[in-house]
Amino acid sequence: MSTRTSLLFAVALTGSLLVGCSDGATSSVGDRVARGAAACLPGGSIERAETKVYTFFGSAGAQSRVERAIRPDGSETLSSETRLSPADAGQGSAAGGAPPTGGVLREYAELDPSGRLVYADVSLSDAAGVVKRMILDPQHGAALLRRAGRASGFVRIPTGEATIYAPVGAIVTPVAAWVARRAALAAPSVRMFDEGTAESHAVLSDQLVVEDGRDTFVVLGDAALSADDEFITSLPLGAAASATACEAGGSGAAAPWRSG
């Protein structure tokens, strides 16, 4: 797949900000998915994409909202915003992996028709601004890591493998899980990148996605998220054992699919 969001090594090597078709750290969820689906995926305009919205509700106000644009060829873009409850945020320092108080995790990801990740932009923010940011371009083996108060760091990652990423800021999200789910269907093993250690390692797909003949689970970190052929159907949100999800179609009308 040819994607305009692929990062140029010349840009990455100079330490400049890696730029995709849309900026996951600064744009709103709606703006990102609209621009990303129209400009980055192959084919015509966004009208050809089916847009869906999923909202996961946890305890004490925890919430994760995902906007997903699916193209007829199977490629897709996903944008999300995940907020933990005040009781769950701030348990530890953001630098050590725990989400900061008032923390918000924003994600933008693009998958090609086979389900492989071609671009991801993930940022964790608090009330003062962006705490950390990770940008991945698996096609060109490029990753850029940024942390507040530190210089940006460029990391090379293997090419030619299905790439996923470990939870950023210890926050497990439906987007990260869906990226893992589709990658596991695309290849017998995947390459998981961890922004905390700036390293990647191979994971067998049948260890990442587990099926027992009735249910399907995506295993990320210490969490096991249920999934079906449509999308992720539940996830932990802090103290919430399993968040309930609901889906809305592109028209904004509630769809019958629901998890519990």
C-alpha atoms as a PDB file:
ATOM      1  CA  MET A   1       0.000   0.000   0.000  1.00  0.00           C
ATOM      2  CA  SER A   2       1.245   3.511  -0.751  1.00  0.00           C
ATOM      3  CA  THR A   3       0.550   5.893   2.098  1.00  0.00           C
ATOM      4  CA  ARG A   4       1.246   9.594   2.242  1.00  0.00           C
ATOM      5  CA  THR A   5       1.766   9.301   5.992  1.00  0.00           C
ATOM      6  CA  SER A   6       4.979   7.306   5.636  1.00  0.00           C
ATOM      7  CA  LEU A   7       7.823   9.179   7.300  1.00  0.00           C
ATOM      8  CA  LEU A   8      10.869  10.246   5.323  1.00  0.00           C
ATOM      9  CA  PHE A   9      14.130   9.004   6.768  1.00  0.00           C
ATOM     10  CA  ALA A  10      15.751  12.319   5.922  1.00  0.00           C
ATOM     11  CA  VAL A  11      13.296  14.037   8.229  1.00  0.00           C
ATOM     12  CA  ALA A  12      13.651  11.445  10.967  1.00  0.00           C
ATOM     13  CA  LEU A  13      17.432  11.511  10.938  1.00  0.00           C
ATOM     14  CA  THR A  14      17.530  15.257  11.469  1.00  0.00           C
ATOM     15  CA  GLY A  15      15.458  14.854  14.617  1.00  0.00           C
ATOM     16  CA  SER A  16      12.597  16.883  13.214  1.00  0.00           C
ATOM     17  CA  LEU A  17       9.004  16.050  13.997  1.00  0.00           C
ATOM     18  CA  LEU A  18       7.777  13.121  11.935  1.00  0.00           C
ATOM     19  CA  VAL A  19       4.706  14.276  10.068  1.00  0.00           C
ATOM     20  CA  GLY A  20       1.813  12.203   8.784  1.00  0.00           C
ATOM     21  CA  CYS A  21      -1.276  13.197   6.878  1.00  0.00           C
ATOM     22  CA  SER A  22      -2.716  14.305  10.197  1.00  0.00           C
ATOM     23  CA  ASP A  23      -1.281  15.202  13.574  1.00  0.00           C
ATOM     24  CA  GLY A  24      -2.545  12.864  16.279  1.00  0.00           C
ATOM     25  CA  ALA A  25      -1.255  15.031  19.105  1.00  0.00           C
ATOM     26  CA  THR A  26      -2.830  18.315  18.172  1.00  0.00           C
ATOM     27  CA  SER A  27      -5.938  17.657  16.091  1.00  0.00           C
ATOM     28  CA  SER A  28      -9.357  16.704  17.357  1.00  0.00           C
ATOM     29  CA  VAL A  29     -10.496  13.108  16.951  1.00  0.00           C
ATOM     30  CA  GLY A  30     -13.098  14.032  14.360  1.00  0.00           C
ATOM     31  CA  ASP A  31     -10.715  16.169  12.333  1.00  0.00           C
ATOM     32  CA  ARG A  32      -8.043  13.482  12.311  1.00  0.00           C
ATOM     33  CA  VAL A  33     -10.264  10.697  11.100  1.00  0.00           C
ATOM     34  CA  ALA A  34     -11.814  12.884   8.399  1.00  0.00           C
ATOM     35  CA  ARG A  35      -8.506  14.134   7.036  1.00  0.00           C
ATOM     36  CA  GLY A  36      -6.713  10.833   7.512  1.00  0.00           C
ATOM     37  CA  ALA A  37      -9.299   8.705   5.755  1.00  0.00           C
ATOM     38  CA  ALA A  38      -9.633  11.122   2.862  1.00  0.00           C
ATOM     39  CA  ALA A  39      -5.962  11.810   2.239  1.00  0.00           C
ATOM     40  CA  CYS A  40      -4.018   8.778   3.431  1.00  0.00           C
ATOM     41  CA  LEU A  41      -5.912   5.715   2.332  1.00  0.00           C
ATOM     42  CA  PRO A  42      -5.884   4.563  -1.295  1.00  0.00           C
ATOM     43  CA  GLY A  43      -8.774   5.289  -3.616  1.00  0.00           C
ATOM     44  CA  GLY A  44     -11.189   8.196  -3.658  1.00  0.00           C
ATOM     45  CA  SER A  45     -12.594  10.483  -1.037  1.00  0.00           C
ATOM     46  CA  ILE A  46     -13.855   9.740   2.443  1.00  0.00           C
ATOM     47  CA  GLU A  47     -17.372   9.137   1.087  1.00  0.00           C
ATOM     48  CA  ARG A  48     -16.172   5.716   0.014  1.00  0.00           C
ATOM     49  CA  ALA A  49     -15.269   4.831   3.604  1.00  0.00           C
ATOM     50  CA  GLU A  50     -17.717   3.471   6.137  1.00  0.00           C
ATOM     51  CA  THR A  51     -17.375   5.425   9.374  1.00  0.00           C
ATOM     52  CA  LYS A  52     -18.186   3.934  12.761  1.00  0.00           C
ATOM     53  CA  VAL A  53     -17.920   5.283  16.288  1.00  0.00           C
ATOM     54  CA  TYR A  54     -17.382   3.125  19.373  1.00  0.00           C
ATOM     55  CA  THR A  55     -17.565   4.405  22.942  1.00  0.00           C
ATOM     56  CA  PHE A  56     -16.379   2.386  25.929  1.00  0.00           C
ATOM     57  CA  PHE A  57     -17.634   3.460  29.355  1.00  0.00           C
ATOM     58  CA  GLY A  58     -15.891   2.484  32.574  1.00  0.00           C
ATOM     59  CA  SER A  59     -16.337   3.430  36.205  1.00  0.00           C
ATOM     60  CA  ALA A  60     -16.220   6.953  37.658  1.00  0.00           C
ATOM     61  CA  GLY A  61     -16.182   8.694  34.296  1.00  0.00           C
ATOM     62  CA  ALA A  62     -13.526   6.604  32.542  1.00  0.00           C
ATOM     63  CA  GLN A  63     -14.156   6.563  28.806  1.00  0.00           C
ATOM     64  CA  SER A  64     -12.560   5.650  25.492  1.00  0.00           C
ATOM     65  CA  ARG A  65     -14.025   6.853  22.196  1.00  0.00           C
ATOM     66  CA  VAL A  66     -12.911   5.516  18.809  1.00  0.00           C
ATOM     67  CA  GLU A  67     -13.720   6.772  15.329  1.00  0.00           C
ATOM     68  CA  ARG A  68     -13.000   4.254  12.599  1.00  0.00           C
ATOM     69  CA  ALA A  69     -13.106   4.700   8.820  1.00  0.00           C
ATOM     70  CA  ILE A  70     -13.143   1.421   6.874  1.00  0.00           C
ATOM     71  CA  ARG A  71     -12.458   1.298   3.147  1.00  0.00           C
ATOM     72  CA  PRO A  72     -13.844  -1.320   0.740  1.00  0.00           C
ATOM     73  CA  ASP A  73     -10.348  -2.789   0.271  1.00  0.00           C
ATOM     74  CA  GLY A  74     -10.013  -3.477   4.010  1.00  0.00           C
ATOM     75  CA  SER A  75      -7.680  -0.585   4.818  1.00  0.00           C
ATOM     76  CA  GLU A  76      -8.759   1.650   7.668  1.00  0.00           C
ATOM     77  CA  THR A  77      -7.911   4.583   9.903  1.00  0.00           C
ATOM     78  CA  LEU A  78      -8.621   4.778  13.610  1.00  0.00           C
ATOM     79  CA  SER A  79      -8.627   7.812  15.908  1.00  0.00           C
ATOM     80  CA  SER A  80      -9.304   7.649  19.619  1.00  0.00           C
ATOM     81  CA  GLU A  81      -9.256   9.523  22.876  1.00  0.00           C
ATOM     82  CA  THR A  82      -9.043   7.635  26.172  1.00  0.00           C
ATOM     83  CA  ARG A  83      -9.600   9.253  29.556  1.00  0.00           C
ATOM     84  CA  LEU A  84      -9.234   7.485  32.882  1.00  0.00           C
ATOM     85  CA  SER A  85     -11.230   8.334  35.974  1.00  0.00           C
ATOM     86  CA  PRO A  86      -9.555  10.724  38.454  1.00  0.00           C
ATOM     87  CA  ALA A  87      -9.178   7.822  40.893  1.00  0.00           C
ATOM     88  CA  ASP A  88      -7.213   5.754  38.381  1.00  0.00           C
ATOM     89  CA  ALA A  89      -5.011   8.519  36.978  1.00  0.00           C
ATOM     90  CA  GLY A  90      -1.952   9.833  38.748  1.00  0.00           C
ATOM     91  CA  GLN A  91      -0.943   6.504  40.270  1.00  0.00           C
ATOM     92  CA  GLY A  92       2.782   6.905  39.746  1.00  0.00           C
ATOM     93  CA  SER A  93       4.718   9.143  37.419  1.00  0.00           C
ATOM     94  CA  ALA A  94       4.102   9.388  33.712  1.00  0.00           C
ATOM     95  CA  ALA A  95       7.803   8.900  33.099  1.00  0.00           C
ATOM     96  CA  GLY A  96       7.597   5.601  34.943  1.00  0.00           C
ATOM     97  CA  GLY A  97       4.727   4.439  32.791  1.00  0.00           C
ATOM     98  CA  ALA A  98       1.663   5.376  34.864  1.00  0.00           C
ATOM     99  CA  PRO A  99      -0.833   7.898  33.459  1.00  0.00           C
ATOM    100  CA  PRO A 100      -0.620  11.401  34.965  1.00  0.00           C
ATOM    101  CA  THR A 101      -3.481  13.051  36.804  1.00  0.00           C
ATOM    102  CA  GLY A 102      -5.952  14.279  34.224  1.00  0.00           C
ATOM    103  CA  GLY A 103      -4.147  12.219  31.619  1.00  0.00           C
ATOM    104  CA  VAL A 104      -5.570  11.805  28.123  1.00  0.00           C
ATOM    105  CA  LEU A 105      -4.211   9.311  25.599  1.00  0.00           C
ATOM    106  CA  ARG A 106      -4.811  10.154  21.937  1.00  0.00           C
ATOM    107  CA  GLU A 107      -4.139   7.738  19.090  1.00  0.00           C
ATOM    108  CA  TYR A 108      -4.200   7.814  15.316  1.00  0.00           C
ATOM    109  CA  ALA A 109      -3.408   4.660  13.337  1.00  0.00           C
ATOM    110  CA  GLU A 110      -3.567   3.558   9.722  1.00  0.00           C
ATOM    111  CA  LEU A 111      -3.795  -0.074   8.587  1.00  0.00           C
ATOM    112  CA  ASP A 112      -3.289  -1.342   5.052  1.00  0.00           C
ATOM    113  CA  PRO A 113      -5.697  -3.780   3.351  1.00  0.00           C
ATOM    114  CA  SER A 114      -3.863  -6.780   4.823  1.00  0.00           C
ATOM    115  CA  GLY A 115      -4.265  -5.387   8.344  1.00  0.00           C
ATOM    116  CA  ARG A 116      -0.659  -4.309   8.863  1.00  0.00           C
ATOM    117  CA  LEU A 117       0.126  -1.038  10.620  1.00  0.00           C
ATOM    118  CA  VAL A 118       1.603   1.591   8.285  1.00  0.00           C
ATOM    119  CA  TYR A 119       1.507   4.614  10.600  1.00  0.00           C
ATOM    120  CA  ALA A 120       0.741   5.371  14.238  1.00  0.00           C
ATOM    121  CA  ASP A 121       0.839   8.552  16.305  1.00  0.00           C
ATOM    122  CA  VAL A 122       0.196   8.149  20.039  1.00  0.00           C
ATOM    123  CA  SER A 123       0.445  10.937  22.608  1.00  0.00           C
ATOM    124  CA  LEU A 124      -0.161  11.125  26.341  1.00  0.00           C
ATOM    125  CA  SER A 125      -1.044  14.542  27.765  1.00  0.00           C
ATOM    126  CA  ASP A 126      -1.818  16.080  31.114  1.00  0.00           C
ATOM    127  CA  ALA A 127      -3.224  19.498  31.983  1.00  0.00           C
ATOM    128  CA  ALA A 128       0.100  21.141  31.092  1.00  0.00           C
ATOM    129  CA  GLY A 129       0.478  19.557  27.653  1.00  0.00           C
ATOM    130  CA  VAL A 130       2.032  16.532  25.970  1.00  0.00           C
ATOM    131  CA  VAL A 131       3.961  14.315  28.379  1.00  0.00           C
ATOM    132  CA  LYS A 132       5.146  11.767  25.831  1.00  0.00           C
ATOM    133  CA  ARG A 133       4.613  11.014  22.170  1.00  0.00           C
ATOM    134  CA  MET A 134       5.421   8.067  19.910  1.00  0.00           C
ATOM    135  CA  ILE A 135       5.307   8.077  16.114  1.00  0.00           C
ATOM    136  CA  LEU A 136       5.840   4.843  14.187  1.00  0.00           C
ATOM    137  CA  ASP A 137       6.501   4.266  10.494  1.00  0.00           C
ATOM    138  CA  PRO A 138       6.997   0.485  10.189  1.00  0.00           C
ATOM    139  CA  GLN A 139       7.322   0.624   6.399  1.00  0.00           C
ATOM    140  CA  HIS A 140      10.575   2.567   6.677  1.00  0.00           C
ATOM    141  CA  GLY A 141      11.769   1.242  10.037  1.00  0.00           C
ATOM    142  CA  ALA A 142      11.377   4.610  11.756  1.00  0.00           C
ATOM    143  CA  ALA A 143      10.191   5.566  15.222  1.00  0.00           C
ATOM    144  CA  LEU A 144      10.343   8.922  16.950  1.00  0.00           C
ATOM    145  CA  LEU A 145       9.981   9.198  20.729  1.00  0.00           C
ATOM    146  CA  ARG A 146       9.391  12.447  22.566  1.00  0.00           C
ATOM    147  CA  ARG A 147       9.116  13.126  26.297  1.00  0.00           C
ATOM    148  CA  ALA A 148       8.529  16.405  28.076  1.00  0.00           C
ATOM    149  CA  GLY A 149      11.820  17.932  29.181  1.00  0.00           C
ATOM    150  CA  ARG A 150      13.950  15.605  27.059  1.00  0.00           C
ATOM    151  CA  ALA A 151      15.404  15.671  23.573  1.00  0.00           C
ATOM    152  CA  SER A 152      13.580  13.692  20.911  1.00  0.00           C
ATOM    153  CA  GLY A 153      15.015  10.301  20.118  1.00  0.00           C
ATOM    154  CA  PHE A 154      15.028   8.445  16.811  1.00  0.00           C
ATOM    155  CA  VAL A 155      14.882   4.639  16.894  1.00  0.00           C
ATOM    156  CA  ARG A 156      15.154   2.176  14.045  1.00  0.00           C
ATOM    157  CA  ILE A 157      12.666  -0.668  13.989  1.00  0.00           C
ATOM    158  CA  PRO A 158      12.674  -3.797  11.796  1.00  0.00           C
ATOM    159  CA  THR A 159      10.907  -3.567   8.452  1.00  0.00           C
ATOM    160  CA  GLY A 160       9.014  -6.266   6.620  1.00  0.00           C
ATOM    161  CA  GLU A 161       7.180  -7.487   9.712  1.00  0.00           C
ATOM    162  CA  ALA A 162       3.693  -6.836  11.026  1.00  0.00           C
ATOM    163  CA  THR A 163       4.225  -4.202  13.732  1.00  0.00           C
ATOM    164  CA  ILE A 164       2.138  -3.420  16.810  1.00  0.00           C
ATOM    165  CA  TYR A 165       2.820  -1.316  19.891  1.00  0.00           C
ATOM    166  CA  ALA A 166       2.678  -2.016  23.605  1.00  0.00           C
ATOM    167  CA  PRO A 167       0.285   0.084  25.725  1.00  0.00           C
ATOM    168  CA  VAL A 168       1.611   3.634  26.050  1.00  0.00           C
ATOM    169  CA  GLY A 169       1.530   5.042  29.585  1.00  0.00           C
ATOM    170  CA  ALA A 170       0.248   1.665  30.849  1.00  0.00           C
ATOM    171  CA  ILE A 171      -3.124   2.485  29.264  1.00  0.00           C
ATOM    172  CA  VAL A 172      -4.663  -0.392  27.307  1.00  0.00           C
ATOM    173  CA  THR A 173      -6.872   0.970  24.525  1.00  0.00           C
ATOM    174  CA  PRO A 174      -9.230  -0.475  21.906  1.00  0.00           C
ATOM    175  CA  VAL A 175      -7.109   0.991  19.090  1.00  0.00           C
ATOM    176  CA  ALA A 176      -3.905  -0.710  20.275  1.00  0.00           C
ATOM    177  CA  ALA A 177      -5.848  -3.942  20.715  1.00  0.00           C
ATOM    178  CA  TRP A 178      -7.428  -3.752  17.252  1.00  0.00           C
ATOM    179  CA  VAL A 179      -4.054  -3.028  15.666  1.00  0.00           C
ATOM    180  CA  ALA A 180      -2.798  -6.192  17.381  1.00  0.00           C
ATOM    181  CA  ARG A 181      -5.867  -8.189  16.353  1.00  0.00           C
ATOM    182  CA  ARG A 182      -5.534  -7.336  12.651  1.00  0.00           C
ATOM    183  CA  ALA A 183      -1.755  -7.834  12.665  1.00  0.00           C
ATOM    184  CA  ALA A 184      -2.192 -11.296  14.172  1.00  0.00           C
ATOM    185  CA  LEU A 185      -4.547 -12.199  11.324  1.00  0.00           C
ATOM    186  CA  ALA A 186      -2.019 -10.905   8.779  1.00  0.00           C
ATOM    187  CA  ALA A 187       1.079 -12.800   9.943  1.00  0.00           C
ATOM    188  CA  PRO A 188       2.072 -15.814  12.099  1.00  0.00           C
ATOM    189  CA  SER A 189       4.203 -13.537  14.275  1.00  0.00           C
ATOM    190  CA  VAL A 190       4.329  -9.796  14.900  1.00  0.00           C
ATOM    191  CA  ARG A 191       6.882  -7.266  16.092  1.00  0.00           C
ATOM    192  CA  MET A 192       5.800  -5.409  19.270  1.00  0.00           C
ATOM    193  CA  PHE A 193       7.404  -2.016  19.856  1.00  0.00           C
ATOM    194  CA  ASP A 194       7.593  -0.718  23.443  1.00  0.00           C
ATOM    195  CA  GLU A 195       8.035   3.051  23.697  1.00  0.00           C
ATOM    196  CA  GLY A 196       9.087   2.709  27.333  1.00  0.00           C
ATOM    197  CA  THR A 197      12.204   0.691  26.492  1.00  0.00           C
ATOM    198  CA  ALA A 198      12.503   1.894  22.869  1.00  0.00           C
ATOM    199  CA  GLU A 199      12.886  -1.742  21.846  1.00  0.00           C
ATOM    200  CA  SER A 200      10.846  -4.307  19.945  1.00  0.00           C
ATOM    201  CA  HIS A 201      10.465  -8.051  20.202  1.00  0.00           C
ATOM    202  CA  ALA A 202       8.712 -10.817  18.303  1.00  0.00           C
ATOM    203  CA  VAL A 203       5.413 -12.236  19.553  1.00  0.00           C
ATOM    204  CA  LEU A 204       3.670 -15.273  18.108  1.00  0.00           C
ATOM    205  CA  SER A 205       0.251 -14.318  16.818  1.00  0.00           C
ATOM    206  CA  ASP A 206      -1.452 -17.239  18.570  1.00  0.00           C
ATOM    207  CA  GLN A 207      -0.109 -15.897  21.881  1.00  0.00           C
ATOM    208  CA  LEU A 208      -1.323 -12.386  21.135  1.00  0.00           C
ATOM    209  CA  VAL A 209      -4.819 -13.389  20.044  1.00  0.00           C
ATOM    210  CA  VAL A 210      -6.298 -16.359  21.882  1.00  0.00           C
ATOM    211  CA  GLU A 211      -9.421 -18.196  20.757  1.00  0.00           C
ATOM    212  CA  ASP A 212     -11.113 -20.911  22.773  1.00  0.00           C
ATOM    213  CA  GLY A 213     -13.646 -21.953  20.169  1.00  0.00           C
ATOM    214  CA  ARG A 214     -16.272 -19.551  21.464  1.00  0.00           C
ATOM    215  CA  ASP A 215     -14.584 -16.308  22.482  1.00  0.00           C
ATOM    216  CA  THR A 216     -11.644 -14.310  21.138  1.00  0.00           C
ATOM    217  CA  PHE A 217      -9.258 -12.343  23.372  1.00  0.00           C
ATOM    218  CA  VAL A 218      -6.440  -9.939  22.572  1.00  0.00           C
ATOM    219  CA  VAL A 219      -3.710 -10.058  25.207  1.00  0.00           C
ATOM    220  CA  LEU A 220      -1.892  -6.737  25.766  1.00  0.00           C
ATOM    221  CA  GLY A 221       0.161  -6.077  28.873  1.00  0.00           C
ATOM    222  CA  ASP A 222      -1.719  -7.587  31.801  1.00  0.00           C
ATOM    223  CA  ALA A 223      -5.096  -7.230  30.102  1.00  0.00           C
ATOM    224  CA  ALA A 224      -7.179  -9.576  27.983  1.00  0.00           C
ATOM    225  CA  LEU A 225      -9.667  -7.713  25.799  1.00  0.00           C
ATOM    226  CA  SER A 226     -12.582  -9.507  24.180  1.00  0.00           C
ATOM    227  CA  ALA A 227     -13.110  -9.062  20.452  1.00  0.00           C
ATOM    228  CA  ASP A 228     -15.298 -10.250  17.610  1.00  0.00           C
ATOM    229  CA  ASP A 229     -15.132  -9.881  13.836  1.00  0.00           C
ATOM    230  CA  GLU A 230     -16.510  -6.335  14.136  1.00  0.00           C
ATOM    231  CA  PHE A 231     -14.191  -4.753  16.724  1.00  0.00           C
ATOM    232  CA  ILE A 232     -12.972  -4.867  20.310  1.00  0.00           C
ATOM    233  CA  THR A 233     -15.962  -5.516  22.553  1.00  0.00           C
ATOM    234  CA  SER A 234     -14.656  -4.809  26.061  1.00  0.00           C
ATOM    235  CA  LEU A 235     -11.577  -3.491  27.816  1.00  0.00           C
ATOM    236  CA  PRO A 236     -10.381  -2.603  31.309  1.00  0.00           C
ATOM    237  CA  LEU A 237     -10.508   1.094  32.187  1.00  0.00           C
ATOM    238  CA  GLY A 238      -8.635   1.451  35.452  1.00  0.00           C
ATOM    239  CA  ALA A 239     -10.733   0.086  38.272  1.00  0.00           C
ATOM    240  CA  ALA A 240     -13.433  -1.017  35.847  1.00  0.00           C
ATOM    241  CA  ALA A 241     -13.109  -4.745  35.261  1.00  0.00           C
ATOM    242  CA  SER A 242     -14.739  -4.515  31.856  1.00  0.00           C
ATOM    243  CA  ALA A 243     -15.961  -1.400  30.113  1.00  0.00           C
ATOM    244  CA  THR A 244     -19.208  -1.563  28.177  1.00  0.00           C
ATOM    245  CA  ALA A 245     -19.024  -0.501  24.546  1.00  0.00           C
ATOM    246  CA  CYS A 246     -21.655   0.815  22.194  1.00  0.00           C
ATOM    247  CA  GLU A 247     -21.422   1.561  18.490  1.00  0.00           C
ATOM    248  CA  ALA A 248     -22.910   4.240  16.303  1.00  0.00           C
ATOM    249  CA  GLY A 249     -22.894   4.252  12.516  1.00  0.00           C
ATOM    250  CA  GLY A 250     -21.811   7.110  10.312  1.00  0.00           C
ATOM    251  CA  SER A 251     -25.290   8.624  10.485  1.00  0.00           C
ATOM    252  CA  GLY A 252     -25.025   8.916  14.251  1.00  0.00           C
ATOM    253  CA  ALA A 253     -27.851   6.435  14.829  1.00  0.00           C
ATOM    254  CA  ALA A 254     -27.215   3.788  17.438  1.00  0.00           C
ATOM    255  CA  ALA A 255     -26.336   0.384  16.011  1.00  0.00           C
ATOM    256  CA  PRO A 256     -27.576  -2.886  17.520  1.00  0.00           C
ATOM    257  CA  TRP A 257     -24.075  -4.208  18.254  1.00  0.00           C
ATOM    258  CA  ARG A 258     -23.224  -3.983  21.920  1.00  0.00           C
ATOM    259  CA  SER A 259     -20.907  -5.700  24.363  1.00  0.00           C
ATOM    260  CA  GLY A 260     -21.243  -6.214  28.051  1.00  0.00           C
END
